[in-house]
Amino acid sequence: MSHAQLLISYGQAFVAPDRRLHRSSMSVRFPEAPLLRAKGGCAVISDSISRNTMAKQAGDISVRGFLADYFSTPDHWDVKTSATRVLRALNSWCYSQSQHVKEGSFVSSMSAMVFRGREAHLSTWVIRWCFGCGVRSLNSSVVTM
């Protein structure tokens, strides 16, 4: 029996009326074969409130941190376990850092789509770093292809 190979093409673009108030971040990562098989590929986008002076950093940290740490989790963890543990660790680190910031707070929403095997995992979170509320999971669903 032959196995179909998932091929994905993607592009990135933002449209912001005033570029100075642009507070979104996005990135896509599809690693090479052994890691791709174990963890899948991932697309992440975050958006933060524009009135907050720390918003851009919150979005950047959430995207870069999630991608770096998600692909470093043990291979035997499922997608939900990996994503949840990474977000909790990011939340704790950013909360501790925000104790020294007076110009705003680290608050961001983030959505991640993880493609692994024949499944696509879509999760949306609100991350409230400064207030210590922890990671709030709003939506998590799995689509089998």
Protein backbone atom coordinates (compact mmCIF):
# COMPACT_ATOMS: atom_id res chain seq x y z
CA MET A 1 0.00 0.00 0.00
CA SER A 2 1.44 3.41 -0.93
CA HIS A 3 1.11 6.39 1.36
CA ALA A 4 0.13 9.81 0.09
CA GLN A 5 2.51 12.60 0.96
CA LEU A 6 1.10 15.86 2.30
CA LEU A 7 2.36 18.84 0.30
CA ILE A 8 1.73 22.33 1.63
CA SER A 9 2.42 25.70 0.07
CA TYR A 10 2.08 28.86 2.10
CA GLY A 11 2.59 32.58 1.98
CA GLN A 12 2.61 35.29 4.60
CA ALA A 13 1.27 38.84 4.44
CA PHE A 14 -0.15 41.44 6.80
CA VAL A 15 -2.28 44.42 5.94
CA ALA A 16 -2.29 47.12 8.61
CA PRO A 17 -3.80 50.58 8.11
CA ASP A 18 -1.01 52.16 10.17
CA ARG A 19 2.20 50.12 10.11
CA ARG A 20 3.38 51.70 13.39
CA LEU A 21 0.44 50.06 15.19
CA HIS A 22 1.05 46.65 13.63
CA ARG A 23 1.08 44.10 16.47
CA SER A 24 0.79 40.74 14.73
CA SER A 25 3.41 38.04 14.28
CA MET A 26 3.38 34.86 12.24
CA SER A 27 5.66 32.03 11.24
CA VAL A 28 5.54 28.57 9.66
CA ARG A 29 7.88 25.66 10.28
CA PHE A 30 8.01 22.29 8.54
CA PRO A 31 11.15 20.46 9.74
CA GLU A 32 13.03 17.69 7.95
CA ALA A 33 11.90 14.04 7.85
CA PRO A 34 12.48 12.47 11.29
CA LEU A 35 11.17 15.49 13.20
CA LEU A 36 8.37 16.08 10.69
CA ARG A 37 7.13 12.52 11.21
CA ALA A 38 7.29 12.80 15.00
CA LYS A 39 5.97 16.34 15.58
CA GLY A 40 4.42 17.44 12.29
CA GLY A 41 4.54 20.90 10.77
CA CYS A 42 3.20 24.05 12.35
CA ALA A 43 1.82 27.47 11.38
CA VAL A 44 1.38 30.07 14.13
CA ILE A 45 -0.11 33.57 14.18
CA SER A 46 -0.52 35.95 17.09
CA ASP A 47 -2.23 39.27 17.53
CA SER A 48 -1.90 41.71 20.40
CA ILE A 49 -3.69 44.84 21.48
CA SER A 50 -2.27 47.94 19.81
CA ARG A 51 -2.66 50.28 22.80
CA ASN A 52 -0.14 48.26 24.75
CA THR A 53 3.54 49.24 24.34
CA MET A 54 4.64 45.65 25.05
CA ALA A 55 2.19 44.11 22.57
CA LYS A 56 4.64 43.57 19.71
CA GLN A 57 7.06 41.73 22.00
CA ALA A 58 4.22 39.58 23.34
CA GLY A 59 3.26 38.49 19.83
CA ASP A 60 6.85 37.87 18.74
CA ILE A 61 7.71 35.90 21.89
CA SER A 62 4.59 33.75 21.61
CA VAL A 63 5.28 32.80 17.98
CA ARG A 64 9.05 32.26 18.21
CA GLY A 65 8.86 30.60 21.61
CA PHE A 66 6.08 28.24 20.63
CA LEU A 67 7.83 27.06 17.46
CA ALA A 68 11.20 26.57 19.16
CA ASP A 69 9.84 24.77 22.20
CA TYR A 70 7.10 22.71 20.51
CA PHE A 71 9.64 20.96 18.28
CA SER A 72 11.85 20.26 21.33
CA THR A 73 9.20 18.31 23.25
CA PRO A 74 9.53 14.51 23.54
CA ASP A 75 8.38 12.58 20.48
CA HIS A 76 6.01 10.39 22.51
CA TRP A 77 3.88 13.39 23.60
CA ASP A 78 0.76 14.01 21.53
CA VAL A 79 0.10 17.42 19.94
CA LYS A 80 -2.22 18.63 22.71
CA THR A 81 0.21 17.68 25.50
CA SER A 82 3.16 19.28 23.71
CA ALA A 83 1.29 22.50 22.93
CA THR A 84 -0.19 22.84 26.42
CA ARG A 85 3.12 22.28 28.21
CA VAL A 86 4.95 24.69 25.92
CA LEU A 87 2.33 27.38 26.47
CA ARG A 88 2.44 26.95 30.24
CA ALA A 89 6.22 27.29 30.21
CA LEU A 90 6.05 30.38 27.97
CA ASN A 91 3.38 31.86 30.21
CA SER A 92 5.48 31.35 33.36
CA TRP A 93 8.62 32.80 31.80
CA CYS A 94 6.84 35.86 30.41
CA TYR A 95 4.95 36.42 33.63
CA SER A 96 8.22 36.48 35.57
CA GLN A 97 9.73 38.89 33.03
CA SER A 98 6.71 41.19 33.09
CA GLN A 99 7.19 41.83 36.80
CA HIS A 100 9.99 44.23 35.78
CA VAL A 101 8.05 46.11 33.06
CA LYS A 102 6.11 49.32 33.62
CA GLU A 103 5.18 50.25 30.03
CA GLY A 104 2.39 47.73 29.49
CA SER A 105 1.67 44.06 29.74
CA PHE A 106 2.38 40.93 27.76
CA VAL A 107 -1.05 40.00 26.42
CA SER A 108 -1.54 38.17 23.14
CA SER A 109 -3.92 35.85 21.35
CA MET A 110 -2.38 33.02 19.39
CA SER A 111 -3.61 30.41 16.93
CA ALA A 112 -1.60 27.37 15.87
CA MET A 113 -2.29 24.78 13.20
CA VAL A 114 -0.24 21.59 13.57
CA PHE A 115 -0.24 19.12 10.67
CA ARG A 116 0.81 15.68 11.85
CA GLY A 117 0.22 12.47 9.94
CA ARG A 118 -3.36 12.52 8.65
CA GLU A 119 -4.53 15.04 11.24
CA ALA A 120 -4.62 18.79 11.46
CA HIS A 121 -4.83 20.20 14.98
CA LEU A 122 -6.20 23.74 15.24
CA SER A 123 -5.94 25.50 18.58
CA THR A 124 -6.65 29.08 19.60
CA TRP A 125 -5.45 30.53 22.88
CA VAL A 126 -5.53 33.80 24.76
CA ILE A 127 -2.29 34.23 26.65
CA ARG A 128 -2.40 36.64 29.57
CA TRP A 129 1.16 36.88 30.68
CA CYS A 130 1.22 40.01 32.79
CA PHE A 131 -1.83 39.27 34.88
CA GLY A 132 -0.77 35.75 35.81
CA CYS A 133 -4.05 34.28 34.67
CA GLY A 134 -2.29 31.51 32.84
CA VAL A 135 -3.03 30.09 29.45
CA ARG A 136 -6.69 30.15 28.52
CA SER A 137 -7.64 27.56 25.93
CA LEU A 138 -10.57 28.86 23.90
CA ASN A 139 -10.79 26.32 21.11
CA SER A 140 -9.07 23.11 20.20
CA SER A 141 -10.15 20.76 17.43
CA VAL A 142 -8.71 17.94 15.35
CA VAL A 143 -9.53 17.31 11.69
CA THR A 144 -8.60 13.96 10.14
CA MET A 145 -7.70 14.07 6.46
